Amino acid sequence: MAINQPPINPKTKSKINPLILMTVGATFLGFIAAFGIWQYLSQTQQKVKELTVTRAVVVAAKQIQAGAKLTDQDLAIKQVPAQTIPKDYPSSPDALKGRVIRSTLEKDEVVTESRLIAEGAAGGLPMVIPQGHRAITIQVNEVIGVGGFVNPGDHVDILSVFNKKEEQLFSKTILQNVLILAVGDKVLDPNLVSDPQPKIVSQVTIALTPEDSEKIALASQSGELQLVLRPHGDEYFYETEGAGVEDVYGYLPGPPSGDQNLAALAASSSKTPQNFIEVILGDQKTVFYY
C-alpha cells in the first residue's frame, strides 16, 4: 500500500521592493545635498559678515610728498573693512603725528609703518642713499645737465674734459651708471614717475662710493664735467680710451718755430727779382726791385 507523501514545495526567497530601495537612496542623497548647501550658505554668510565689519583708521587727507613731516592737516579718519587693513598698521595711530614720510602717500591711503621713517631717524636725502655710497653734489648748467632732462632716479655717465699735457685738451669717461639722487631740491622718490618736462637747475646730487667721490672731487677741480644720460635699464660698462684733439680733428700741424721762420725768410731773399729799376744820382746808385 502506497503511502501518499506531501508535495515538496521549493523554498521561497524574500525580495526587497525596488521602489523602497530607490526611495531610501534618494532621501539619503537629499540629506547630503541639503547639508552641502547649508554649509556653503553658512560660510558665505560668515564672509559677508567679516567684510561688512569696518574699523576706523588713519589715512592721508591729501597727497603727501616724501620727506614731509605729518601734521593734523595731513591726516584724516576713515572707516575701512577690517580685513583690508595692512598688517603693519600702527597700533597707536596718535603717534603718527610728527613722523616723516618715506615715500609719497596718495589721498585716502592708509598710513602704515612701512611708509614711514623709523622714529628718531633722519629723513630726506639720507634715506635714499644706497648702502656703501655717499651723496656728493656737482655744479651743472643747461648743457652739462643734459638740457634739464635729468631727473632723480636716472642714471648717467660722467665725462671729464681737461688739459692732458702741454695745453692739449683730452676727454675721458671717468664714471659710469651713476645714480641721480636729487636734482636741485627735488629728492629721489621711487613711487613717483619722472617729470618729462625739462628743469634747469644749478646742481645735481649723485650717489658714489667713497673712492669714486674722490675721483669726482679731483675732476671737478681740474677740468669740466659733462653728464651723459643713460637709457633706462642699461647697466653695461663700456671700456673707453678717451679722446684727444687729434682723435677728433686728425693731425694738426703747429705754427712754425723761430728757426723755420728765419729759413723761410732767407730762401725768399735769395731769389732774384724779375724786374728792377736802377737810379743813379751823382756817385750814388740805387736799385728798386719789383
C-alpha atoms as a PDB file:
ATOM      1  CA  MET A   1       0.000   0.000   0.000  1.00  0.00           C
ATOM      2  CA  ALA A   2       1.456   3.189  -1.183  1.00  0.00           C
ATOM      3  CA  ILE A   3       1.808   5.982   1.249  1.00  0.00           C
ATOM      4  CA  ASN A   4       0.944   9.397  -0.111  1.00  0.00           C
ATOM      5  CA  GLN A   5       3.704  11.883   0.857  1.00  0.00           C
ATOM      6  CA  PRO A   6       3.069  15.603   0.984  1.00  0.00           C
ATOM      7  CA  PRO A   7       4.316  17.504  -2.047  1.00  0.00           C
ATOM      8  CA  ILE A   8       7.704  19.137  -1.656  1.00  0.00           C
ATOM      9  CA  ASN A   9       7.440  22.917  -2.215  1.00  0.00           C
ATOM     10  CA  PRO A  10      10.616  24.861  -3.136  1.00  0.00           C
ATOM     11  CA  LYS A  11      11.799  27.404  -0.602  1.00  0.00           C
ATOM     12  CA  THR A  12      10.528  30.899  -1.379  1.00  0.00           C
ATOM     13  CA  LYS A  13      13.173  33.747  -1.291  1.00  0.00           C
ATOM     14  CA  SER A  14      12.246  37.120   0.219  1.00  0.00           C
ATOM     15  CA  LYS A  15      12.790  40.021  -2.192  1.00  0.00           C
ATOM     16  CA  ILE A  16      13.137  43.812  -1.312  1.00  0.00           C
ATOM     17  CA  ASN A  17      10.816  46.060  -3.174  1.00  0.00           C
ATOM     18  CA  PRO A  18      12.935  48.171  -5.641  1.00  0.00           C
ATOM     19  CA  LEU A  19      10.679  51.165  -5.081  1.00  0.00           C
ATOM     20  CA  ILE A  20      11.549  51.200  -1.384  1.00  0.00           C
ATOM     21  CA  LEU A  21      15.274  50.964  -2.174  1.00  0.00           C
ATOM     22  CA  MET A  22      15.114  53.925  -4.578  1.00  0.00           C
ATOM     23  CA  THR A  23      13.182  55.998  -2.036  1.00  0.00           C
ATOM     24  CA  VAL A  24      15.765  55.389   0.676  1.00  0.00           C
ATOM     25  CA  GLY A  25      18.640  56.231  -1.693  1.00  0.00           C
ATOM     26  CA  ALA A  26      17.010  59.453  -2.878  1.00  0.00           C
ATOM     27  CA  THR A  27      16.347  60.515   0.705  1.00  0.00           C
ATOM     28  CA  PHE A  28      19.991  59.908   1.667  1.00  0.00           C
ATOM     29  CA  LEU A  29      21.313  61.895  -1.306  1.00  0.00           C
ATOM     30  CA  GLY A  30      18.874  64.668  -0.484  1.00  0.00           C
ATOM     31  CA  PHE A  31      20.247  64.913   3.030  1.00  0.00           C
ATOM     32  CA  ILE A  32      23.813  65.140   1.661  1.00  0.00           C
ATOM     33  CA  ALA A  33      22.867  67.905  -0.799  1.00  0.00           C
ATOM     34  CA  ALA A  34      20.998  69.822   1.876  1.00  0.00           C
ATOM     35  CA  PHE A  35      23.985  69.618   4.220  1.00  0.00           C
ATOM     36  CA  GLY A  36      26.324  70.902   1.485  1.00  0.00           C
ATOM     37  CA  ILE A  37      24.055  73.848   0.686  1.00  0.00           C
ATOM     38  CA  TRP A  38      23.712  74.680   4.366  1.00  0.00           C
ATOM     39  CA  GLN A  39      27.484  74.603   4.833  1.00  0.00           C
ATOM     40  CA  TYR A  40      28.074  76.817   1.744  1.00  0.00           C
ATOM     41  CA  LEU A  41      25.479  79.355   2.883  1.00  0.00           C
ATOM     42  CA  SER A  42      26.965  79.427   6.380  1.00  0.00           C
ATOM     43  CA  GLN A  43      30.466  80.108   5.023  1.00  0.00           C
ATOM     44  CA  THR A  44      29.187  82.766   2.646  1.00  0.00           C
ATOM     45  CA  GLN A  45      27.263  84.435   5.426  1.00  0.00           C
ATOM     46  CA  GLN A  46      30.363  84.450   7.611  1.00  0.00           C
ATOM     47  CA  LYS A  47      32.451  86.021   4.837  1.00  0.00           C
ATOM     48  CA  VAL A  48      29.838  88.689   4.220  1.00  0.00           C
ATOM     49  CA  LYS A  49      29.769  89.406   7.939  1.00  0.00           C
ATOM     50  CA  GLU A  50      33.555  89.742   8.049  1.00  0.00           C
ATOM     51  CA  LEU A  51      33.588  92.071   5.035  1.00  0.00           C
ATOM     52  CA  THR A  52      30.914  94.310   6.473  1.00  0.00           C
ATOM     53  CA  VAL A  53      32.820  94.799   9.716  1.00  0.00           C
ATOM     54  CA  THR A  54      34.643  98.124   9.468  1.00  0.00           C
ATOM     55  CA  ARG A  55      37.274  99.835  11.522  1.00  0.00           C
ATOM     56  CA  ALA A  56      38.360 103.450  11.838  1.00  0.00           C
ATOM     57  CA  VAL A  57      41.904 104.017  10.577  1.00  0.00           C
ATOM     58  CA  VAL A  58      44.154 106.995   9.862  1.00  0.00           C
ATOM     59  CA  VAL A  59      44.533 107.843   6.167  1.00  0.00           C
ATOM     60  CA  ALA A  60      46.199 110.603   4.182  1.00  0.00           C
ATOM     61  CA  ALA A  61      43.875 113.572   3.800  1.00  0.00           C
ATOM     62  CA  LYS A  62      45.719 114.607   0.636  1.00  0.00           C
ATOM     63  CA  GLN A  63      48.771 113.624  -1.384  1.00  0.00           C
ATOM     64  CA  ILE A  64      51.813 113.884   0.889  1.00  0.00           C
ATOM     65  CA  GLN A  65      55.271 114.124  -0.659  1.00  0.00           C
ATOM     66  CA  ALA A  66      58.202 112.022   0.521  1.00  0.00           C
ATOM     67  CA  GLY A  67      60.230 113.641   3.280  1.00  0.00           C
ATOM     68  CA  ALA A  68      57.283 115.617   4.691  1.00  0.00           C
ATOM     69  CA  LYS A  69      56.504 115.612   8.408  1.00  0.00           C
ATOM     70  CA  LEU A  70      52.917 114.602   9.216  1.00  0.00           C
ATOM     71  CA  THR A  71      50.636 117.218  10.751  1.00  0.00           C
ATOM     72  CA  ASP A  72      46.967 117.283  11.756  1.00  0.00           C
ATOM     73  CA  GLN A  73      46.057 118.749   8.359  1.00  0.00           C
ATOM     74  CA  ASP A  74      47.703 115.785   6.589  1.00  0.00           C
ATOM     75  CA  LEU A  75      45.681 113.092   8.363  1.00  0.00           C
ATOM     76  CA  ALA A  76      42.029 112.036   8.399  1.00  0.00           C
ATOM     77  CA  ILE A  77      39.909 109.226   9.880  1.00  0.00           C
ATOM     78  CA  LYS A  78      38.135 106.813   7.558  1.00  0.00           C
ATOM     79  CA  GLN A  79      36.095 103.633   8.037  1.00  0.00           C
ATOM     80  CA  VAL A  80      37.515 100.737   6.016  1.00  0.00           C
ATOM     81  CA  PRO A  81      36.765  96.967   6.017  1.00  0.00           C
ATOM     82  CA  ALA A  82      38.685  95.358   8.856  1.00  0.00           C
ATOM     83  CA  GLN A  83      40.014  92.661   6.524  1.00  0.00           C
ATOM     84  CA  THR A  84      41.717  95.223   4.278  1.00  0.00           C
ATOM     85  CA  ILE A  85      43.782  96.899   7.000  1.00  0.00           C
ATOM     86  CA  PRO A  86      47.512  96.195   6.385  1.00  0.00           C
ATOM     87  CA  LYS A  87      49.325  94.147   8.994  1.00  0.00           C
ATOM     88  CA  ASP A  88      51.865  96.926   9.590  1.00  0.00           C
ATOM     89  CA  TYR A  89      49.208  99.468  10.552  1.00  0.00           C
ATOM     90  CA  PRO A  90      50.436 101.287  13.691  1.00  0.00           C
ATOM     91  CA  SER A  91      48.937 100.088  16.931  1.00  0.00           C
ATOM     92  CA  SER A  92      48.865 103.670  18.174  1.00  0.00           C
ATOM     93  CA  PRO A  93      47.555 105.961  15.399  1.00  0.00           C
ATOM     94  CA  ASP A  94      48.041 109.046  17.604  1.00  0.00           C
ATOM     95  CA  ALA A  95      51.803 108.510  17.377  1.00  0.00           C
ATOM     96  CA  LEU A  96      51.726 109.171  13.616  1.00  0.00           C
ATOM     97  CA  LYS A  97      51.800 112.926  14.072  1.00  0.00           C
ATOM     98  CA  GLY A  98      55.275 114.295  13.550  1.00  0.00           C
ATOM     99  CA  ARG A  99      56.538 111.204  11.723  1.00  0.00           C
ATOM    100  CA  VAL A 100      58.409 111.642   8.424  1.00  0.00           C
ATOM    101  CA  ILE A 101      57.093 110.101   5.198  1.00  0.00           C
ATOM    102  CA  ARG A 102      59.488 107.689   3.481  1.00  0.00           C
ATOM    103  CA  SER A 103      57.649 107.658   0.137  1.00  0.00           C
ATOM    104  CA  THR A 104      54.743 109.635  -1.306  1.00  0.00           C
ATOM    105  CA  LEU A 105      51.284 108.882   0.122  1.00  0.00           C
ATOM    106  CA  GLU A 106      48.217 109.217  -2.066  1.00  0.00           C
ATOM    107  CA  LYS A 107      44.913 110.636  -0.815  1.00  0.00           C
ATOM    108  CA  ASP A 108      42.861 108.153   1.303  1.00  0.00           C
ATOM    109  CA  GLU A 109      45.817 105.764   1.539  1.00  0.00           C
ATOM    110  CA  VAL A 110      46.159 104.046   4.919  1.00  0.00           C
ATOM    111  CA  VAL A 111      49.255 105.283   6.748  1.00  0.00           C
ATOM    112  CA  THR A 112      51.387 102.256   7.635  1.00  0.00           C
ATOM    113  CA  GLU A 113      54.775 101.806   9.279  1.00  0.00           C
ATOM    114  CA  SER A 114      56.385 100.734   6.003  1.00  0.00           C
ATOM    115  CA  ARG A 115      55.620 104.176   4.536  1.00  0.00           C
ATOM    116  CA  LEU A 116      57.216 105.995   7.473  1.00  0.00           C
ATOM    117  CA  ILE A 117      60.783 106.622   8.506  1.00  0.00           C
ATOM    118  CA  ALA A 118      61.724 104.991  11.788  1.00  0.00           C
ATOM    119  CA  GLU A 119      61.238 107.180  14.817  1.00  0.00           C
ATOM    120  CA  GLY A 120      64.361 109.159  15.616  1.00  0.00           C
ATOM    121  CA  ALA A 121      65.889 108.537  12.182  1.00  0.00           C
ATOM    122  CA  ALA A 122      66.719 111.391   9.856  1.00  0.00           C
ATOM    123  CA  GLY A 123      64.563 111.786   6.807  1.00  0.00           C
ATOM    124  CA  GLY A 124      65.070 113.234   3.368  1.00  0.00           C
ATOM    125  CA  LEU A 125      68.156 112.535   1.294  1.00  0.00           C
ATOM    126  CA  PRO A 126      69.972 110.159   3.709  1.00  0.00           C
ATOM    127  CA  MET A 127      67.128 107.653   3.377  1.00  0.00           C
ATOM    128  CA  VAL A 128      67.622 107.194  -0.380  1.00  0.00           C
ATOM    129  CA  ILE A 129      71.427 106.836  -0.431  1.00  0.00           C
ATOM    130  CA  PRO A 130      72.312 103.231  -1.375  1.00  0.00           C
ATOM    131  CA  GLN A 131      74.282 101.203   1.127  1.00  0.00           C
ATOM    132  CA  GLY A 132      78.032 101.775   0.781  1.00  0.00           C
ATOM    133  CA  HIS A 133      77.590 105.023  -1.153  1.00  0.00           C
ATOM    134  CA  ARG A 134      77.830 108.704  -0.374  1.00  0.00           C
ATOM    135  CA  ALA A 135      75.938 111.710  -1.709  1.00  0.00           C
ATOM    136  CA  ILE A 136      78.011 114.380  -3.444  1.00  0.00           C
ATOM    137  CA  THR A 137      76.775 117.466  -5.294  1.00  0.00           C
ATOM    138  CA  ILE A 138      78.284 118.837  -8.508  1.00  0.00           C
ATOM    139  CA  GLN A 139      77.632 122.121 -10.265  1.00  0.00           C
ATOM    140  CA  VAL A 140      75.848 121.909 -13.619  1.00  0.00           C
ATOM    141  CA  ASN A 141      74.354 124.199 -16.228  1.00  0.00           C
ATOM    142  CA  GLU A 142      71.834 123.650 -19.014  1.00  0.00           C
ATOM    143  CA  VAL A 143      74.401 121.908 -21.223  1.00  0.00           C
ATOM    144  CA  ILE A 144      76.138 119.858 -18.538  1.00  0.00           C
ATOM    145  CA  GLY A 145      72.779 118.765 -17.095  1.00  0.00           C
ATOM    146  CA  VAL A 146      71.532 117.283 -20.405  1.00  0.00           C
ATOM    147  CA  GLY A 147      69.243 120.211 -21.120  1.00  0.00           C
ATOM    148  CA  GLY A 148      67.387 119.796 -17.820  1.00  0.00           C
ATOM    149  CA  PHE A 149      66.061 116.331 -18.697  1.00  0.00           C
ATOM    150  CA  VAL A 150      67.914 114.605 -15.836  1.00  0.00           C
ATOM    151  CA  ASN A 151      65.561 113.530 -13.027  1.00  0.00           C
ATOM    152  CA  PRO A 152      66.094 111.857  -9.640  1.00  0.00           C
ATOM    153  CA  GLY A 153      66.362 108.117 -10.192  1.00  0.00           C
ATOM    154  CA  ASP A 154      68.018 108.426 -13.623  1.00  0.00           C
ATOM    155  CA  HIS A 155      71.486 107.013 -14.286  1.00  0.00           C
ATOM    156  CA  VAL A 156      74.237 108.925 -16.069  1.00  0.00           C
ATOM    157  CA  ASP A 157      77.832 108.600 -17.202  1.00  0.00           C
ATOM    158  CA  ILE A 158      80.214 111.409 -16.292  1.00  0.00           C
ATOM    159  CA  LEU A 159      82.777 112.820 -18.726  1.00  0.00           C
ATOM    160  CA  SER A 160      85.747 114.937 -17.746  1.00  0.00           C
ATOM    161  CA  VAL A 161      87.357 117.411 -20.171  1.00  0.00           C
ATOM    162  CA  PHE A 162      90.791 118.592 -19.021  1.00  0.00           C
ATOM    163  CA  ASN A 163      94.267 119.595 -20.206  1.00  0.00           C
ATOM    164  CA  LYS A 164      96.187 116.363 -20.503  1.00  0.00           C
ATOM    165  CA  LYS A 165      99.628 117.871 -21.156  1.00  0.00           C
ATOM    166  CA  GLU A 166     101.115 120.897 -22.864  1.00  0.00           C
ATOM    167  CA  GLU A 167      97.726 122.617 -23.005  1.00  0.00           C
ATOM    168  CA  GLN A 168      96.270 119.722 -25.047  1.00  0.00           C
ATOM    169  CA  LEU A 169      92.572 119.059 -24.287  1.00  0.00           C
ATOM    170  CA  PHE A 170      91.537 115.496 -23.509  1.00  0.00           C
ATOM    171  CA  SER A 171      88.086 113.952 -22.809  1.00  0.00           C
ATOM    172  CA  LYS A 172      87.506 110.756 -20.808  1.00  0.00           C
ATOM    173  CA  THR A 173      84.546 108.907 -19.292  1.00  0.00           C
ATOM    174  CA  ILE A 174      85.558 108.661 -15.662  1.00  0.00           C
ATOM    175  CA  LEU A 175      82.371 107.210 -14.087  1.00  0.00           C
ATOM    176  CA  GLN A 176      79.504 105.128 -15.475  1.00  0.00           C
ATOM    177  CA  ASN A 177      75.954 104.222 -14.408  1.00  0.00           C
ATOM    178  CA  VAL A 178      75.832 106.833 -11.652  1.00  0.00           C
ATOM    179  CA  LEU A 179      72.520 107.196  -9.762  1.00  0.00           C
ATOM    180  CA  ILE A 180      70.995 110.680  -9.570  1.00  0.00           C
ATOM    181  CA  LEU A 181      69.748 111.214  -6.002  1.00  0.00           C
ATOM    182  CA  ALA A 182      68.479 114.762  -6.345  1.00  0.00           C
ATOM    183  CA  VAL A 183      68.130 117.488  -8.952  1.00  0.00           C
ATOM    184  CA  GLY A 184      68.139 120.866  -7.277  1.00  0.00           C
ATOM    185  CA  ASP A 185      65.921 120.396  -4.204  1.00  0.00           C
ATOM    186  CA  LYS A 186      63.898 117.553  -5.748  1.00  0.00           C
ATOM    187  CA  VAL A 187      64.894 114.340  -3.936  1.00  0.00           C
ATOM    188  CA  LEU A 188      64.529 110.823  -5.328  1.00  0.00           C
ATOM    189  CA  ASP A 189      61.118 109.249  -4.639  1.00  0.00           C
ATOM    190  CA  PRO A 190      60.751 105.674  -6.009  1.00  0.00           C
ATOM    191  CA  ASN A 191      56.952 105.969  -6.044  1.00  0.00           C
ATOM    192  CA  LEU A 192      56.817 108.976  -8.358  1.00  0.00           C
ATOM    193  CA  VAL A 193      57.119 108.946 -12.143  1.00  0.00           C
ATOM    194  CA  SER A 194      59.811 111.227 -13.514  1.00  0.00           C
ATOM    195  CA  ASP A 195      58.581 114.534 -14.861  1.00  0.00           C
ATOM    196  CA  PRO A 196      59.227 114.616 -18.646  1.00  0.00           C
ATOM    197  CA  GLN A 197      59.423 118.417 -18.676  1.00  0.00           C
ATOM    198  CA  PRO A 198      62.976 119.846 -18.565  1.00  0.00           C
ATOM    199  CA  LYS A 199      64.048 121.687 -15.434  1.00  0.00           C
ATOM    200  CA  ILE A 200      67.117 123.903 -15.451  1.00  0.00           C
ATOM    201  CA  VAL A 201      68.974 123.691 -12.141  1.00  0.00           C
ATOM    202  CA  SER A 202      72.440 124.639 -10.964  1.00  0.00           C
ATOM    203  CA  GLN A 203      73.326 121.491  -9.036  1.00  0.00           C
ATOM    204  CA  VAL A 204      72.847 117.728  -9.164  1.00  0.00           C
ATOM    205  CA  THR A 205      73.419 115.295  -6.288  1.00  0.00           C
ATOM    206  CA  ILE A 206      74.740 111.833  -7.174  1.00  0.00           C
ATOM    207  CA  ALA A 207      75.447 108.592  -5.285  1.00  0.00           C
ATOM    208  CA  LEU A 208      79.076 107.440  -5.365  1.00  0.00           C
ATOM    209  CA  THR A 209      81.329 105.086  -3.457  1.00  0.00           C
ATOM    210  CA  PRO A 210      83.977 106.795  -1.302  1.00  0.00           C
ATOM    211  CA  GLU A 211      86.627 106.030  -3.945  1.00  0.00           C
ATOM    212  CA  ASP A 212      84.555 107.496  -6.788  1.00  0.00           C
ATOM    213  CA  SER A 213      83.766 110.527  -4.626  1.00  0.00           C
ATOM    214  CA  GLU A 214      87.475 111.285  -4.518  1.00  0.00           C
ATOM    215  CA  LYS A 215      87.716 110.968  -8.303  1.00  0.00           C
ATOM    216  CA  ILE A 216      84.821 113.328  -8.979  1.00  0.00           C
ATOM    217  CA  ALA A 217      86.160 115.891  -6.483  1.00  0.00           C
ATOM    218  CA  LEU A 218      89.509 115.968  -8.300  1.00  0.00           C
ATOM    219  CA  ALA A 219      87.918 116.011 -11.764  1.00  0.00           C
ATOM    220  CA  SER A 220      85.660 118.923 -10.856  1.00  0.00           C
ATOM    221  CA  GLN A 221      88.721 120.986  -9.882  1.00  0.00           C
ATOM    222  CA  SER A 222      90.988 120.033 -12.783  1.00  0.00           C
ATOM    223  CA  GLY A 223      88.503 120.282 -15.663  1.00  0.00           C
ATOM    224  CA  GLU A 224      84.895 120.490 -16.785  1.00  0.00           C
ATOM    225  CA  LEU A 225      82.352 117.754 -16.105  1.00  0.00           C
ATOM    226  CA  GLN A 226      79.630 116.628 -18.517  1.00  0.00           C
ATOM    227  CA  LEU A 227      76.650 114.390 -17.705  1.00  0.00           C
ATOM    228  CA  VAL A 228      75.609 111.778 -20.274  1.00  0.00           C
ATOM    229  CA  LEU A 229      72.098 110.349 -19.736  1.00  0.00           C
ATOM    230  CA  ARG A 230      71.841 106.550 -19.996  1.00  0.00           C
ATOM    231  CA  PRO A 231      68.797 104.628 -21.338  1.00  0.00           C
ATOM    232  CA  HIS A 232      66.517 103.066 -18.748  1.00  0.00           C
ATOM    233  CA  GLY A 233      67.772  99.640 -17.710  1.00  0.00           C
ATOM    234  CA  ASP A 234      71.179  99.935 -19.401  1.00  0.00           C
ATOM    235  CA  GLU A 235      73.768  98.807 -16.847  1.00  0.00           C
ATOM    236  CA  TYR A 236      76.565  97.851 -19.256  1.00  0.00           C
ATOM    237  CA  PHE A 237      80.018  99.310 -18.586  1.00  0.00           C
ATOM    238  CA  TYR A 238      81.870 100.411 -21.713  1.00  0.00           C
ATOM    239  CA  GLU A 239      85.662 100.409 -21.967  1.00  0.00           C
ATOM    240  CA  THR A 240      86.859 103.706 -23.468  1.00  0.00           C
ATOM    241  CA  GLU A 241      90.319 105.142 -24.049  1.00  0.00           C
ATOM    242  CA  GLY A 242      89.284 108.763 -24.079  1.00  0.00           C
ATOM    243  CA  ALA A 243      89.558 111.240 -26.933  1.00  0.00           C
ATOM    244  CA  GLY A 244      92.189 113.874 -27.711  1.00  0.00           C
ATOM    245  CA  VAL A 245      92.254 116.694 -30.237  1.00  0.00           C
ATOM    246  CA  GLU A 246      93.887 114.504 -32.884  1.00  0.00           C
ATOM    247  CA  ASP A 247      91.160 111.835 -32.430  1.00  0.00           C
ATOM    248  CA  VAL A 248      88.570 114.462 -33.329  1.00  0.00           C
ATOM    249  CA  TYR A 249      90.346 116.592 -35.977  1.00  0.00           C
ATOM    250  CA  GLY A 250      93.213 114.386 -37.081  1.00  0.00           C
ATOM    251  CA  TYR A 251      96.820 115.674 -37.256  1.00  0.00           C
ATOM    252  CA  LEU A 252      97.011 119.460 -36.991  1.00  0.00           C
ATOM    253  CA  PRO A 253     100.452 120.959 -37.819  1.00  0.00           C
ATOM    254  CA  GLY A 254     101.522 123.548 -35.312  1.00  0.00           C
ATOM    255  CA  PRO A 255     102.855 127.060 -36.093  1.00  0.00           C
ATOM    256  CA  PRO A 256     106.403 127.159 -37.494  1.00  0.00           C
ATOM    257  CA  SER A 257     109.178 127.618 -34.975  1.00  0.00           C
ATOM    258  CA  GLY A 258     111.598 130.610 -34.920  1.00  0.00           C
ATOM    259  CA  ASP A 259     114.320 128.761 -36.921  1.00  0.00           C
ATOM    260  CA  GLN A 260     111.764 127.792 -39.554  1.00  0.00           C
ATOM    261  CA  ASN A 261     110.751 131.468 -39.949  1.00  0.00           C
ATOM    262  CA  LEU A 262     114.386 132.542 -40.497  1.00  0.00           C
ATOM    263  CA  ALA A 263     114.963 129.784 -43.066  1.00  0.00           C
ATOM    264  CA  ALA A 264     111.848 130.807 -44.994  1.00  0.00           C
ATOM    265  CA  LEU A 265     112.989 134.463 -44.999  1.00  0.00           C
ATOM    266  CA  ALA A 266     116.486 133.564 -46.254  1.00  0.00           C
ATOM    267  CA  ALA A 267     115.053 131.407 -49.030  1.00  0.00           C
ATOM    268  CA  SER A 268     112.782 134.202 -50.180  1.00  0.00           C
ATOM    269  CA  SER A 269     115.595 136.778 -50.156  1.00  0.00           C
ATOM    270  CA  SER A 270     117.899 134.550 -52.243  1.00  0.00           C
ATOM    271  CA  LYS A 271     115.575 134.668 -55.209  1.00  0.00           C
ATOM    272  CA  THR A 272     116.483 137.188 -57.966  1.00  0.00           C
ATOM    273  CA  PRO A 273     113.606 139.543 -58.797  1.00  0.00           C
ATOM    274  CA  GLN A 274     112.463 139.512 -62.397  1.00  0.00           C
ATOM    275  CA  ASN A 275     112.170 143.356 -62.761  1.00  0.00           C
ATOM    276  CA  PHE A 276     114.153 146.216 -61.279  1.00  0.00           C
ATOM    277  CA  ILE A 277     114.889 149.935 -61.792  1.00  0.00           C
ATOM    278  CA  GLU A 278     118.350 151.390 -61.355  1.00  0.00           C
ATOM    279  CA  VAL A 279     118.601 155.045 -60.379  1.00  0.00           C
ATOM    280  CA  ILE A 280     121.977 156.888 -60.497  1.00  0.00           C
ATOM    281  CA  LEU A 281     122.300 160.231 -58.750  1.00  0.00           C
ATOM    282  CA  GLY A 282     125.842 161.531 -58.975  1.00  0.00           C
ATOM    283  CA  ASP A 283     128.090 158.976 -57.417  1.00  0.00           C
ATOM    284  CA  GLN A 284     125.179 157.086 -55.726  1.00  0.00           C
ATOM    285  CA  LYS A 285     123.360 154.188 -57.333  1.00  0.00           C
ATOM    286  CA  THR A 286     120.040 152.793 -56.036  1.00  0.00           C
ATOM    287  CA  VAL A 287     118.256 149.685 -57.283  1.00  0.00           C
ATOM    288  CA  PHE A 288     114.470 149.162 -56.807  1.00  0.00           C
ATOM    289  CA  TYR A 289     113.165 145.623 -57.333  1.00  0.00           C
ATOM    290  CA  TYR A 290     109.567 144.788 -58.185  1.00  0.00           C
END
